[in-house]
Structure formats: structure tokens, C-alpha cells
N, C-alpha and C. Protein backbone atom coordinates (compact mmCIF):
# COMPACT_ATOMS: atom_id res chain seq x y z
N MET A 1 -20.11 0.94 -9.32
CA MET A 1 -18.81 1.26 -8.71
C MET A 1 -18.66 0.49 -7.39
N ASN A 2 -17.52 -0.15 -7.19
CA ASN A 2 -17.33 -0.91 -5.95
C ASN A 2 -17.04 0.04 -4.79
N ASP A 3 -17.14 -0.51 -3.58
CA ASP A 3 -16.85 0.31 -2.40
C ASP A 3 -15.73 -0.31 -1.58
N TYR A 4 -14.79 -1.00 -2.26
CA TYR A 4 -13.69 -1.64 -1.53
C TYR A 4 -12.82 -0.62 -0.82
N ALA A 5 -12.61 0.52 -1.43
CA ALA A 5 -11.80 1.56 -0.78
C ALA A 5 -12.48 2.01 0.50
N ARG A 6 -13.79 2.18 0.46
CA ARG A 6 -14.53 2.63 1.64
C ARG A 6 -14.47 1.57 2.75
N ARG A 7 -14.62 0.31 2.37
CA ARG A 7 -14.57 -0.76 3.37
C ARG A 7 -13.19 -0.86 4.01
N GLU A 8 -12.15 -0.78 3.18
CA GLU A 8 -10.79 -0.84 3.73
C GLU A 8 -10.52 0.33 4.67
N ARG A 9 -11.01 1.50 4.31
CA ARG A 9 -10.83 2.68 5.15
C ARG A 9 -11.46 2.45 6.53
N GLN A 10 -12.69 1.98 6.55
CA GLN A 10 -13.38 1.80 7.83
C GLN A 10 -12.74 0.69 8.65
N SER A 11 -12.33 -0.39 7.99
CA SER A 11 -11.67 -1.49 8.71
C SER A 11 -10.33 -1.04 9.27
N LEU A 12 -9.59 -0.26 8.50
CA LEU A 12 -8.30 0.25 8.98
C LEU A 12 -8.52 1.20 10.14
N ALA A 13 -9.50 2.08 10.05
CA ALA A 13 -9.77 3.00 11.16
C ALA A 13 -10.12 2.23 12.43
N ASP A 14 -10.93 1.19 12.29
CA ASP A 14 -11.28 0.36 13.46
C ASP A 14 -10.02 -0.28 14.05
N LEU A 15 -9.16 -0.80 13.18
CA LEU A 15 -7.95 -1.46 13.65
C LEU A 15 -7.00 -0.48 14.32
N LEU A 16 -6.81 0.69 13.71
CA LEU A 16 -5.94 1.71 14.31
C LEU A 16 -6.44 2.09 15.71
N LEU A 17 -7.74 2.23 15.85
CA LEU A 17 -8.30 2.60 17.14
C LEU A 17 -8.10 1.50 18.16
N SER A 18 -8.31 0.25 17.74
CA SER A 18 -8.18 -0.86 18.70
C SER A 18 -6.72 -1.12 19.07
N GLU A 19 -5.79 -0.88 18.14
CA GLU A 19 -4.38 -1.13 18.42
C GLU A 19 -3.77 -0.02 19.28
N GLY A 20 -4.35 1.17 19.22
CA GLY A 20 -3.80 2.29 19.98
C GLY A 20 -2.72 3.02 19.21
N PRO A 21 -2.24 4.15 19.73
CA PRO A 21 -1.35 5.03 18.96
C PRO A 21 0.10 4.57 18.85
N ASP A 22 0.51 3.59 19.64
CA ASP A 22 1.94 3.24 19.71
C ASP A 22 2.25 1.86 19.15
N ALA A 23 1.32 1.26 18.44
CA ALA A 23 1.56 -0.08 17.88
C ALA A 23 2.49 0.02 16.68
N PRO A 24 3.26 -1.04 16.40
CA PRO A 24 4.18 -1.01 15.25
C PRO A 24 3.42 -1.15 13.93
N THR A 25 4.08 -0.76 12.85
CA THR A 25 3.57 -0.96 11.49
C THR A 25 4.73 -1.46 10.63
N LEU A 26 4.42 -1.84 9.42
CA LEU A 26 5.48 -2.23 8.48
C LEU A 26 6.21 -1.04 7.88
N CYS A 27 5.70 0.17 8.10
CA CYS A 27 6.37 1.38 7.60
C CYS A 27 7.50 1.71 8.57
N ALA A 28 8.72 1.62 8.10
CA ALA A 28 9.90 1.74 8.96
C ALA A 28 9.86 3.02 9.79
N GLY A 29 9.95 2.86 11.10
CA GLY A 29 10.01 3.99 12.01
C GLY A 29 8.66 4.60 12.36
N TRP A 30 7.58 4.08 11.80
CA TRP A 30 6.26 4.64 12.04
C TRP A 30 5.44 3.77 12.97
N THR A 31 4.81 4.41 13.93
CA THR A 31 3.79 3.75 14.74
C THR A 31 2.43 3.94 14.06
N THR A 32 1.41 3.39 14.69
CA THR A 32 0.06 3.58 14.17
C THR A 32 -0.33 5.05 14.15
N ARG A 33 0.12 5.82 15.11
CA ARG A 33 -0.16 7.26 15.11
C ARG A 33 0.48 7.93 13.89
N ASP A 34 1.73 7.58 13.59
CA ASP A 34 2.42 8.16 12.44
C ASP A 34 1.70 7.82 11.14
N LEU A 35 1.28 6.56 11.03
CA LEU A 35 0.60 6.12 9.82
C LEU A 35 -0.73 6.85 9.64
N ALA A 36 -1.48 6.98 10.73
CA ALA A 36 -2.75 7.70 10.66
C ALA A 36 -2.54 9.15 10.22
N ALA A 37 -1.52 9.80 10.77
CA ALA A 37 -1.24 11.18 10.40
C ALA A 37 -0.87 11.28 8.92
N HIS A 38 -0.12 10.32 8.41
CA HIS A 38 0.21 10.30 6.98
C HIS A 38 -1.05 10.25 6.12
N LEU A 39 -1.99 9.38 6.49
CA LEU A 39 -3.22 9.25 5.72
C LEU A 39 -4.04 10.54 5.74
N VAL A 40 -4.08 11.18 6.89
CA VAL A 40 -4.85 12.43 7.01
C VAL A 40 -4.20 13.53 6.17
N ILE A 41 -2.89 13.65 6.24
CA ILE A 41 -2.19 14.68 5.46
C ILE A 41 -2.35 14.43 3.97
N ARG A 42 -2.27 13.19 3.56
CA ARG A 42 -2.42 12.84 2.14
C ARG A 42 -3.74 13.35 1.58
N GLU A 43 -4.79 13.31 2.40
CA GLU A 43 -6.12 13.69 1.92
C GLU A 43 -6.46 15.15 2.18
N ARG A 44 -5.95 15.71 3.28
CA ARG A 44 -6.40 17.03 3.71
C ARG A 44 -5.39 18.15 3.47
N ARG A 45 -4.14 17.80 3.20
CA ARG A 45 -3.12 18.82 3.00
C ARG A 45 -2.29 18.49 1.76
N PRO A 46 -2.83 18.72 0.56
CA PRO A 46 -2.07 18.41 -0.65
C PRO A 46 -0.73 19.12 -0.71
N ASP A 47 -0.64 20.32 -0.11
CA ASP A 47 0.63 21.05 -0.12
C ASP A 47 1.71 20.28 0.63
N ALA A 48 1.33 19.68 1.76
CA ALA A 48 2.29 18.90 2.55
C ALA A 48 2.50 17.51 1.96
N ALA A 49 1.44 16.92 1.39
CA ALA A 49 1.56 15.59 0.80
C ALA A 49 2.53 15.58 -0.37
N ALA A 50 2.72 16.72 -1.02
CA ALA A 50 3.67 16.79 -2.13
C ALA A 50 5.08 16.44 -1.69
N GLY A 51 5.36 16.58 -0.39
CA GLY A 51 6.68 16.24 0.13
C GLY A 51 7.03 14.77 -0.02
N MET A 52 6.02 13.92 -0.25
CA MET A 52 6.30 12.50 -0.48
C MET A 52 6.98 12.27 -1.83
N PHE A 53 6.84 13.22 -2.75
CA PHE A 53 7.35 13.05 -4.11
C PHE A 53 8.38 14.11 -4.51
N VAL A 54 8.35 15.26 -3.83
CA VAL A 54 9.26 16.36 -4.15
C VAL A 54 10.26 16.52 -3.01
N PRO A 55 11.52 16.14 -3.21
CA PRO A 55 12.48 16.18 -2.11
C PRO A 55 12.59 17.54 -1.42
N ALA A 56 12.47 18.63 -2.17
CA ALA A 56 12.60 19.96 -1.57
C ALA A 56 11.49 20.27 -0.59
N LEU A 57 10.37 19.54 -0.69
CA LEU A 57 9.23 19.77 0.20
C LEU A 57 9.12 18.73 1.31
N HIS A 58 10.07 17.81 1.37
CA HIS A 58 9.96 16.71 2.34
C HIS A 58 9.95 17.22 3.78
N ALA A 59 10.87 18.10 4.11
CA ALA A 59 10.96 18.60 5.50
C ALA A 59 9.68 19.32 5.89
N TYR A 60 9.15 20.12 4.97
CA TYR A 60 7.90 20.82 5.24
C TYR A 60 6.76 19.82 5.47
N GLY A 61 6.68 18.83 4.61
CA GLY A 61 5.63 17.83 4.75
C GLY A 61 5.72 17.09 6.07
N GLU A 62 6.94 16.80 6.51
CA GLU A 62 7.12 16.10 7.80
C GLU A 62 6.69 16.98 8.97
N ARG A 63 6.96 18.27 8.90
CA ARG A 63 6.53 19.17 9.98
C ARG A 63 5.00 19.19 10.08
N VAL A 64 4.35 19.25 8.94
CA VAL A 64 2.89 19.27 8.95
C VAL A 64 2.34 17.93 9.46
N ARG A 65 2.96 16.84 9.04
CA ARG A 65 2.50 15.51 9.48
C ARG A 65 2.66 15.36 10.99
N LEU A 66 3.79 15.77 11.52
CA LEU A 66 4.03 15.65 12.96
C LEU A 66 3.08 16.52 13.76
N ALA A 67 2.74 17.68 13.22
CA ALA A 67 1.77 18.54 13.90
C ALA A 67 0.40 17.87 13.93
N ARG A 68 0.02 17.23 12.84
CA ARG A 68 -1.26 16.53 12.81
C ARG A 68 -1.23 15.31 13.74
N ALA A 69 -0.09 14.64 13.81
CA ALA A 69 0.03 13.47 14.68
C ALA A 69 -0.13 13.82 16.16
N ALA A 70 0.07 15.11 16.51
CA ALA A 70 -0.05 15.53 17.90
C ALA A 70 -1.51 15.67 18.35
N LEU A 71 -2.45 15.55 17.42
CA LEU A 71 -3.86 15.61 17.81
C LEU A 71 -4.20 14.46 18.76
N PRO A 72 -5.23 14.61 19.58
CA PRO A 72 -5.71 13.46 20.36
C PRO A 72 -5.99 12.29 19.42
N TYR A 73 -5.56 11.10 19.80
CA TYR A 73 -5.61 9.96 18.88
C TYR A 73 -7.02 9.67 18.36
N PRO A 74 -8.06 9.65 19.19
CA PRO A 74 -9.40 9.39 18.64
C PRO A 74 -9.81 10.42 17.60
N GLU A 75 -9.42 11.69 17.79
CA GLU A 75 -9.73 12.71 16.80
C GLU A 75 -8.99 12.46 15.49
N LEU A 76 -7.75 12.04 15.60
CA LEU A 76 -6.95 11.74 14.40
C LEU A 76 -7.59 10.59 13.62
N ILE A 77 -8.00 9.54 14.31
CA ILE A 77 -8.61 8.39 13.63
C ILE A 77 -9.95 8.77 13.02
N ASP A 78 -10.67 9.67 13.66
CA ASP A 78 -11.93 10.13 13.09
C ASP A 78 -11.69 10.86 11.77
N GLN A 79 -10.57 11.56 11.65
CA GLN A 79 -10.24 12.23 10.39
C GLN A 79 -9.85 11.22 9.31
N VAL A 80 -9.24 10.10 9.71
CA VAL A 80 -8.99 9.01 8.75
C VAL A 80 -10.32 8.45 8.26
N ARG A 81 -11.23 8.25 9.19
CA ARG A 81 -12.51 7.60 8.89
C ARG A 81 -13.42 8.46 8.00
N ARG A 82 -13.34 9.79 8.18
CA ARG A 82 -14.28 10.69 7.50
C ARG A 82 -13.51 11.68 6.62
N PRO A 83 -13.15 11.29 5.40
CA PRO A 83 -12.35 12.17 4.54
C PRO A 83 -13.19 13.33 4.01
N PRO A 84 -12.55 14.43 3.66
CA PRO A 84 -13.30 15.55 3.08
C PRO A 84 -13.70 15.25 1.64
N VAL A 85 -14.90 15.66 1.27
CA VAL A 85 -15.38 15.36 -0.09
C VAL A 85 -14.64 16.17 -1.15
N TRP A 86 -13.95 17.26 -0.73
CA TRP A 86 -13.23 18.08 -1.70
C TRP A 86 -11.83 17.56 -2.00
N SER A 87 -11.38 16.56 -1.26
CA SER A 87 -10.00 16.09 -1.41
C SER A 87 -9.74 15.55 -2.82
N PRO A 88 -8.58 15.85 -3.40
CA PRO A 88 -8.25 15.33 -4.73
C PRO A 88 -8.21 13.80 -4.77
N VAL A 89 -7.94 13.15 -3.62
CA VAL A 89 -7.80 11.69 -3.64
C VAL A 89 -8.94 10.95 -2.96
N SER A 90 -9.86 11.65 -2.32
CA SER A 90 -10.95 10.93 -1.64
C SER A 90 -12.33 11.43 -2.02
N ASN A 91 -12.42 12.27 -3.04
CA ASN A 91 -13.75 12.70 -3.49
C ASN A 91 -14.44 11.52 -4.17
N PRO A 92 -15.76 11.56 -4.31
CA PRO A 92 -16.50 10.40 -4.83
C PRO A 92 -16.06 9.94 -6.21
N LEU A 93 -15.53 10.83 -7.03
CA LEU A 93 -15.13 10.44 -8.38
C LEU A 93 -13.85 9.61 -8.40
N PHE A 94 -12.93 9.89 -7.47
CA PHE A 94 -11.61 9.27 -7.53
C PHE A 94 -11.29 8.36 -6.36
N ASP A 95 -12.22 8.22 -5.41
CA ASP A 95 -11.94 7.44 -4.21
C ASP A 95 -11.52 6.02 -4.53
N GLY A 96 -12.28 5.32 -5.36
CA GLY A 96 -11.95 3.94 -5.68
C GLY A 96 -10.60 3.81 -6.35
N LEU A 97 -10.34 4.68 -7.32
CA LEU A 97 -9.09 4.62 -8.07
C LEU A 97 -7.89 4.93 -7.18
N ALA A 98 -8.02 5.96 -6.34
CA ALA A 98 -6.88 6.42 -5.55
C ALA A 98 -6.68 5.64 -4.25
N ASN A 99 -7.73 5.02 -3.73
CA ASN A 99 -7.64 4.51 -2.37
C ASN A 99 -7.84 3.01 -2.18
N THR A 100 -8.31 2.29 -3.19
CA THR A 100 -8.50 0.85 -3.02
C THR A 100 -7.19 0.17 -2.64
N MET A 101 -6.14 0.45 -3.41
CA MET A 101 -4.84 -0.14 -3.11
C MET A 101 -4.20 0.51 -1.89
N GLU A 102 -4.29 1.84 -1.79
CA GLU A 102 -3.66 2.57 -0.69
C GLU A 102 -4.12 2.06 0.67
N PHE A 103 -5.42 1.94 0.85
CA PHE A 103 -5.92 1.53 2.16
C PHE A 103 -5.75 0.04 2.40
N PHE A 104 -5.77 -0.77 1.36
CA PHE A 104 -5.44 -2.19 1.54
C PHE A 104 -4.01 -2.34 2.06
N ILE A 105 -3.08 -1.64 1.42
CA ILE A 105 -1.67 -1.74 1.83
C ILE A 105 -1.50 -1.31 3.28
N HIS A 106 -2.06 -0.16 3.64
CA HIS A 106 -1.84 0.34 5.00
C HIS A 106 -2.61 -0.48 6.05
N HIS A 107 -3.74 -1.06 5.65
CA HIS A 107 -4.43 -2.00 6.55
C HIS A 107 -3.49 -3.17 6.87
N GLU A 108 -2.84 -3.69 5.83
CA GLU A 108 -1.92 -4.81 6.04
C GLU A 108 -0.65 -4.37 6.76
N ASP A 109 -0.25 -3.10 6.60
CA ASP A 109 0.90 -2.59 7.34
C ASP A 109 0.69 -2.73 8.85
N VAL A 110 -0.53 -2.56 9.29
CA VAL A 110 -0.83 -2.70 10.71
C VAL A 110 -1.04 -4.16 11.07
N ARG A 111 -1.82 -4.89 10.28
CA ARG A 111 -2.10 -6.29 10.57
C ARG A 111 -0.81 -7.12 10.64
N ARG A 112 0.07 -6.93 9.65
CA ARG A 112 1.21 -7.83 9.51
C ARG A 112 2.41 -7.41 10.36
N ALA A 113 2.28 -6.29 11.04
CA ALA A 113 3.33 -5.94 12.01
C ALA A 113 3.16 -6.70 13.31
N ALA A 114 2.01 -7.33 13.49
CA ALA A 114 1.77 -8.14 14.68
C ALA A 114 2.54 -9.46 14.57
N GLN A 115 2.68 -10.15 15.70
CA GLN A 115 3.45 -11.40 15.71
C GLN A 115 2.75 -12.51 14.94
N ARG A 116 1.45 -12.55 15.01
CA ARG A 116 0.70 -13.61 14.34
C ARG A 116 -0.34 -12.99 13.41
N TRP A 117 -0.32 -13.42 12.18
CA TRP A 117 -1.31 -12.96 11.21
C TRP A 117 -1.41 -13.99 10.10
N GLU A 118 -2.51 -13.94 9.39
CA GLU A 118 -2.73 -14.73 8.19
C GLU A 118 -3.34 -13.84 7.13
N PRO A 119 -3.06 -14.10 5.86
CA PRO A 119 -3.69 -13.29 4.81
C PRO A 119 -5.21 -13.38 4.90
N ARG A 120 -5.86 -12.28 4.63
CA ARG A 120 -7.31 -12.28 4.60
C ARG A 120 -7.83 -12.96 3.33
N VAL A 121 -9.00 -13.53 3.43
CA VAL A 121 -9.68 -14.06 2.24
C VAL A 121 -10.51 -12.93 1.65
N LEU A 122 -10.15 -12.51 0.43
CA LEU A 122 -10.79 -11.36 -0.20
C LEU A 122 -11.80 -11.82 -1.25
N ALA A 123 -12.86 -11.06 -1.40
CA ALA A 123 -13.85 -11.34 -2.43
C ALA A 123 -13.21 -11.26 -3.81
N ALA A 124 -13.80 -11.98 -4.76
CA ALA A 124 -13.24 -12.02 -6.12
C ALA A 124 -13.16 -10.61 -6.72
N GLY A 125 -14.17 -9.80 -6.49
CA GLY A 125 -14.15 -8.45 -7.02
C GLY A 125 -13.06 -7.60 -6.41
N HIS A 126 -12.78 -7.82 -5.13
CA HIS A 126 -11.71 -7.08 -4.45
C HIS A 126 -10.36 -7.50 -5.03
N GLN A 127 -10.18 -8.81 -5.22
CA GLN A 127 -8.95 -9.29 -5.83
C GLN A 127 -8.76 -8.68 -7.22
N ALA A 128 -9.84 -8.61 -7.99
CA ALA A 128 -9.74 -8.05 -9.34
C ALA A 128 -9.36 -6.58 -9.30
N ALA A 129 -9.93 -5.83 -8.35
CA ALA A 129 -9.60 -4.41 -8.23
C ALA A 129 -8.14 -4.23 -7.85
N LEU A 130 -7.64 -5.05 -6.95
CA LEU A 130 -6.23 -4.96 -6.56
C LEU A 130 -5.31 -5.39 -7.71
N TRP A 131 -5.71 -6.39 -8.45
CA TRP A 131 -4.87 -6.85 -9.56
C TRP A 131 -4.74 -5.80 -10.65
N ARG A 132 -5.79 -5.01 -10.86
CA ARG A 132 -5.68 -3.93 -11.85
C ARG A 132 -4.54 -2.97 -11.48
N SER A 133 -4.36 -2.74 -10.18
CA SER A 133 -3.26 -1.88 -9.74
C SER A 133 -1.93 -2.62 -9.80
N ALA A 134 -1.93 -3.87 -9.37
CA ALA A 134 -0.68 -4.64 -9.32
C ALA A 134 -0.10 -4.89 -10.70
N ARG A 135 -0.94 -5.01 -11.71
CA ARG A 135 -0.42 -5.19 -13.07
C ARG A 135 0.48 -4.02 -13.45
N LEU A 136 0.03 -2.82 -13.12
CA LEU A 136 0.82 -1.63 -13.47
C LEU A 136 2.07 -1.53 -12.61
N THR A 137 1.93 -1.69 -11.29
CA THR A 137 3.10 -1.52 -10.42
C THR A 137 4.14 -2.60 -10.67
N SER A 138 3.71 -3.81 -11.01
CA SER A 138 4.68 -4.88 -11.27
C SER A 138 5.46 -4.60 -12.55
N ARG A 139 4.77 -4.15 -13.59
CA ARG A 139 5.46 -3.82 -14.84
C ARG A 139 6.47 -2.70 -14.62
N LEU A 140 6.04 -1.66 -13.92
CA LEU A 140 6.94 -0.52 -13.69
C LEU A 140 8.16 -0.96 -12.89
N ALA A 141 7.95 -1.77 -11.85
CA ALA A 141 9.06 -2.18 -11.00
C ALA A 141 10.05 -3.05 -11.76
N LEU A 142 9.56 -4.03 -12.51
CA LEU A 142 10.46 -4.93 -13.23
C LEU A 142 11.21 -4.20 -14.34
N ARG A 143 10.55 -3.28 -15.01
CA ARG A 143 11.23 -2.52 -16.06
C ARG A 143 12.28 -1.60 -15.47
N ARG A 144 11.97 -1.00 -14.33
CA ARG A 144 12.94 -0.12 -13.68
C ARG A 144 14.19 -0.89 -13.27
N LEU A 145 14.00 -2.13 -12.84
CA LEU A 145 15.13 -2.96 -12.43
C LEU A 145 15.81 -3.65 -13.61
N GLY A 146 15.19 -3.58 -14.78
CA GLY A 146 15.75 -4.26 -15.94
C GLY A 146 15.63 -5.76 -15.86
N VAL A 147 14.56 -6.25 -15.24
CA VAL A 147 14.37 -7.69 -15.05
C VAL A 147 13.20 -8.16 -15.90
N PRO A 148 13.44 -8.95 -16.95
CA PRO A 148 12.32 -9.55 -17.68
C PRO A 148 11.62 -10.57 -16.77
N GLY A 149 10.33 -10.40 -16.59
CA GLY A 149 9.62 -11.28 -15.68
C GLY A 149 8.20 -11.55 -16.10
N GLU A 150 7.62 -12.54 -15.45
CA GLU A 150 6.21 -12.87 -15.63
C GLU A 150 5.55 -12.85 -14.26
N VAL A 151 4.45 -12.13 -14.15
CA VAL A 151 3.75 -11.98 -12.88
C VAL A 151 2.33 -12.54 -13.05
N THR A 152 1.95 -13.45 -12.17
CA THR A 152 0.64 -14.09 -12.28
C THR A 152 -0.09 -14.02 -10.95
N ALA A 153 -1.25 -13.40 -10.98
CA ALA A 153 -2.13 -13.41 -9.81
C ALA A 153 -3.10 -14.58 -9.93
N THR A 154 -3.37 -15.24 -8.83
CA THR A 154 -4.25 -16.40 -8.82
C THR A 154 -5.59 -16.06 -9.48
N GLY A 155 -5.91 -16.82 -10.53
CA GLY A 155 -7.20 -16.63 -11.19
C GLY A 155 -7.19 -15.63 -12.32
N PHE A 156 -6.02 -15.06 -12.66
CA PHE A 156 -5.95 -14.04 -13.70
C PHE A 156 -4.84 -14.38 -14.69
N PRO A 157 -4.95 -13.92 -15.94
CA PRO A 157 -3.87 -14.14 -16.90
C PRO A 157 -2.59 -13.44 -16.46
N PRO A 158 -1.43 -14.01 -16.80
CA PRO A 158 -0.16 -13.39 -16.42
C PRO A 158 0.13 -12.14 -17.23
N VAL A 159 1.02 -11.32 -16.69
CA VAL A 159 1.57 -10.19 -17.44
C VAL A 159 3.07 -10.39 -17.54
N ARG A 160 3.66 -9.89 -18.63
CA ARG A 160 5.09 -10.09 -18.86
C ARG A 160 5.79 -8.78 -19.14
N THR A 161 7.05 -8.72 -18.73
CA THR A 161 7.94 -7.66 -19.17
C THR A 161 9.10 -8.35 -19.88
N GLY A 162 9.13 -8.25 -21.17
CA GLY A 162 10.18 -8.91 -21.95
C GLY A 162 9.73 -10.26 -22.45
N PRO A 163 10.33 -10.73 -23.54
CA PRO A 163 9.91 -11.98 -24.18
C PRO A 163 10.41 -13.24 -23.47
N ALA A 164 11.49 -13.13 -22.71
CA ALA A 164 12.09 -14.32 -22.06
C ALA A 164 12.24 -14.04 -20.57
N PRO A 165 11.24 -14.36 -19.75
CA PRO A 165 11.28 -14.03 -18.32
C PRO A 165 12.45 -14.70 -17.60
N GLN A 166 13.16 -13.91 -16.79
CA GLN A 166 14.19 -14.46 -15.91
C GLN A 166 13.60 -14.97 -14.60
N VAL A 167 12.44 -14.41 -14.23
CA VAL A 167 11.76 -14.84 -13.01
C VAL A 167 10.27 -14.91 -13.27
N ARG A 168 9.62 -15.78 -12.51
CA ARG A 168 8.16 -15.86 -12.53
C ARG A 168 7.68 -15.67 -11.09
N ILE A 169 6.81 -14.69 -10.90
CA ILE A 169 6.33 -14.32 -9.57
C ILE A 169 4.84 -14.61 -9.52
N THR A 170 4.41 -15.41 -8.56
CA THR A 170 3.01 -15.81 -8.47
C THR A 170 2.50 -15.62 -7.05
N GLY A 171 1.20 -15.34 -6.95
CA GLY A 171 0.57 -15.19 -5.65
C GLY A 171 -0.81 -14.59 -5.82
N ASP A 172 -1.55 -14.49 -4.75
CA ASP A 172 -2.84 -13.80 -4.81
C ASP A 172 -2.62 -12.33 -5.11
N ALA A 173 -3.63 -11.68 -5.66
CA ALA A 173 -3.50 -10.29 -6.08
C ALA A 173 -3.06 -9.39 -4.92
N GLY A 174 -3.65 -9.57 -3.75
CA GLY A 174 -3.28 -8.75 -2.61
C GLY A 174 -1.83 -8.92 -2.21
N GLU A 175 -1.33 -10.16 -2.30
CA GLU A 175 0.07 -10.42 -1.95
C GLU A 175 1.01 -9.75 -2.96
N LEU A 176 0.63 -9.75 -4.23
CA LEU A 176 1.45 -9.09 -5.25
C LEU A 176 1.43 -7.58 -5.07
N VAL A 177 0.29 -7.02 -4.68
CA VAL A 177 0.23 -5.59 -4.38
C VAL A 177 1.23 -5.25 -3.29
N LEU A 178 1.26 -6.05 -2.23
CA LEU A 178 2.20 -5.79 -1.13
C LEU A 178 3.64 -5.96 -1.57
N PHE A 179 3.90 -7.00 -2.34
CA PHE A 179 5.27 -7.25 -2.81
C PHE A 179 5.80 -6.07 -3.60
N PHE A 180 5.01 -5.61 -4.57
CA PHE A 180 5.49 -4.55 -5.45
C PHE A 180 5.32 -3.15 -4.86
N SER A 181 4.80 -3.07 -3.64
CA SER A 181 4.79 -1.78 -2.93
C SER A 181 5.96 -1.69 -1.96
N GLY A 182 6.85 -2.69 -1.99
CA GLY A 182 8.02 -2.66 -1.13
C GLY A 182 7.90 -3.46 0.14
N ARG A 183 6.83 -4.26 0.27
CA ARG A 183 6.64 -5.09 1.48
C ARG A 183 7.00 -6.54 1.17
N GLN A 184 8.13 -6.75 0.49
CA GLN A 184 8.45 -8.10 0.03
C GLN A 184 8.49 -9.12 1.16
N ARG A 185 9.06 -8.73 2.30
CA ARG A 185 9.24 -9.70 3.39
C ARG A 185 7.91 -10.11 4.03
N ALA A 186 6.89 -9.29 3.86
CA ALA A 186 5.60 -9.60 4.45
C ALA A 186 4.62 -10.19 3.44
N ALA A 187 5.03 -10.28 2.18
CA ALA A 187 4.13 -10.76 1.12
C ALA A 187 4.37 -12.24 0.85
N ARG A 188 3.31 -12.99 0.76
CA ARG A 188 3.43 -14.42 0.49
C ARG A 188 3.30 -14.67 -1.01
N VAL A 189 4.43 -14.58 -1.67
CA VAL A 189 4.49 -14.85 -3.11
C VAL A 189 5.56 -15.91 -3.35
N ARG A 190 5.49 -16.50 -4.52
CA ARG A 190 6.50 -17.48 -4.94
C ARG A 190 7.28 -16.87 -6.10
N ILE A 191 8.61 -16.97 -6.02
CA ILE A 191 9.46 -16.49 -7.10
C ILE A 191 10.28 -17.65 -7.63
N ASP A 192 10.15 -17.94 -8.90
CA ASP A 192 10.92 -19.00 -9.55
C ASP A 192 11.82 -18.37 -10.61
N GLY A 193 13.05 -18.87 -10.68
CA GLY A 193 13.95 -18.36 -11.70
C GLY A 193 15.36 -18.22 -11.18
N ASP A 194 16.14 -17.40 -11.85
CA ASP A 194 17.55 -17.17 -11.52
C ASP A 194 17.68 -16.77 -10.05
N PRO A 195 18.43 -17.54 -9.23
CA PRO A 195 18.55 -17.23 -7.80
C PRO A 195 19.08 -15.82 -7.52
N ALA A 196 20.04 -15.38 -8.33
CA ALA A 196 20.60 -14.04 -8.10
C ALA A 196 19.55 -12.96 -8.36
N VAL A 197 18.75 -13.14 -9.40
CA VAL A 197 17.70 -12.17 -9.71
C VAL A 197 16.61 -12.22 -8.65
N THR A 198 16.30 -13.43 -8.19
CA THR A 198 15.30 -13.59 -7.13
C THR A 198 15.72 -12.85 -5.87
N GLU A 199 16.98 -13.02 -5.49
CA GLU A 199 17.48 -12.34 -4.29
C GLU A 199 17.48 -10.82 -4.49
N ARG A 200 17.83 -10.40 -5.67
CA ARG A 200 17.82 -8.96 -5.96
C ARG A 200 16.41 -8.38 -5.82
N LEU A 201 15.43 -9.11 -6.33
CA LEU A 201 14.04 -8.66 -6.24
C LEU A 201 13.58 -8.57 -4.78
N ARG A 202 13.94 -9.55 -3.99
CA ARG A 202 13.48 -9.58 -2.60
C ARG A 202 14.10 -8.44 -1.79
N GLY A 203 15.26 -7.95 -2.21
CA GLY A 203 15.91 -6.88 -1.46
C GLY A 203 15.81 -5.52 -2.10
N ALA A 204 15.17 -5.43 -3.27
CA ALA A 204 15.10 -4.16 -4.00
C ALA A 204 14.16 -3.19 -3.31
N LYS A 205 14.39 -1.91 -3.53
CA LYS A 205 13.47 -0.88 -3.04
C LYS A 205 12.37 -0.70 -4.08
N LEU A 206 11.24 -1.31 -3.81
CA LEU A 206 10.12 -1.26 -4.73
C LEU A 206 9.08 -0.24 -4.24
N GLY A 207 8.12 0.05 -5.08
CA GLY A 207 7.08 1.00 -4.71
C GLY A 207 7.54 2.43 -4.96
N PHE A 208 6.73 3.38 -4.43
CA PHE A 208 6.99 4.81 -4.68
C PHE A 208 7.60 5.44 -3.45
């Protein structure tokens, strides 16, 4: 079993601590403190985390998140760094599946909110783990939009939605993960095909 989720978690915790609580992120309206509180609630308060998916629980989830965000910042980051073993999303059985993509995305949310950044060079195994997630998210996104497309991660066979692609989207696996999670403007991918469809993809609300 790989430990990419664990590595991303520790690297993100280090970055959050070094950037401080008020640095920007790619998550609209969220500072680093807000993002850290989101991660802690996701793992430690399943009742409040449900607000991310159930509209009726959104206000409750936000109240719990804001209360957690009020903790002293070093304590908050320590909770990001050391997840509970009982958590549905961070226990040893599901950590890799639930968190490899999650922590990669949020690590980049902090890195790419800065004025100067470059994509990281990821190990082949890390790219493969991210591509396993991106294959699913790309298919779901293109089918939801009704766009026949072909998505190719560097070094991997392409995936298609529909027999006659209107667009072809290519890039490294990590960049495709970011693109299909709704970070299109920060993702370095190439889109070839119908200009109107390309523009629609770049402005669409992707991700969950």
C-alpha cells in the first residue's frame, strides 16, 4: 500500500504552518485557516461534514467549521497532521483511497494561490494513484455536461466518453485531477477541439 496520502498530509500541514492562518487559497473566500478547519471537520465531525453534500445541513456544518477554525492555529494544524484512527475517511483501511486526491488538491490550493509557483514533479506511482481518481472524475464531469471527450494523462492510455470526442484534454495526472475538481484556471492542461465546448469546459462548475 502506498503512503502518498500520508506524505501529502504532512507536506500540506508543514505548508499551512509556514504560510500562517491568513494566506490565500484557491478555495473561494477561504484562507489557510478556513481550509485547515475544513480538513479537520471532514475527518473528526462526520455529522458536520455531511453539510458539504446535504443542503439542509450546510448551515450547521459551517457553524461547526467556524468554531473549529477559532482554535489556536498551531493546534488546528496539529489536528490536520494527526487524524483520528477511528475516522471514516482517515482510518488505515481507507486513508489512501479517501485522501490521496483530497490532500493533493488542497496542497495545491495553497501552493498555487501564491504569485509564483510551478507544478511539482511527482513520482510515477503518485501519478498513477492520482490518475486512478482522475479517470473517474473526468468521466463523470464530461457525462454530466453532455460532452463527448477524450482525456489523456501523460504516460497512460486515454479514456473516452462517447465514440466521437468533441474535445481532447491532455496533461499530467495531477493537472487533470485539479482541472476536474474545479480548479481549471490553475491547472496546466491542453484542450483541443470545438472552441465553444472548450470555453464551456474552462468555465464549468466541475468537481463536487
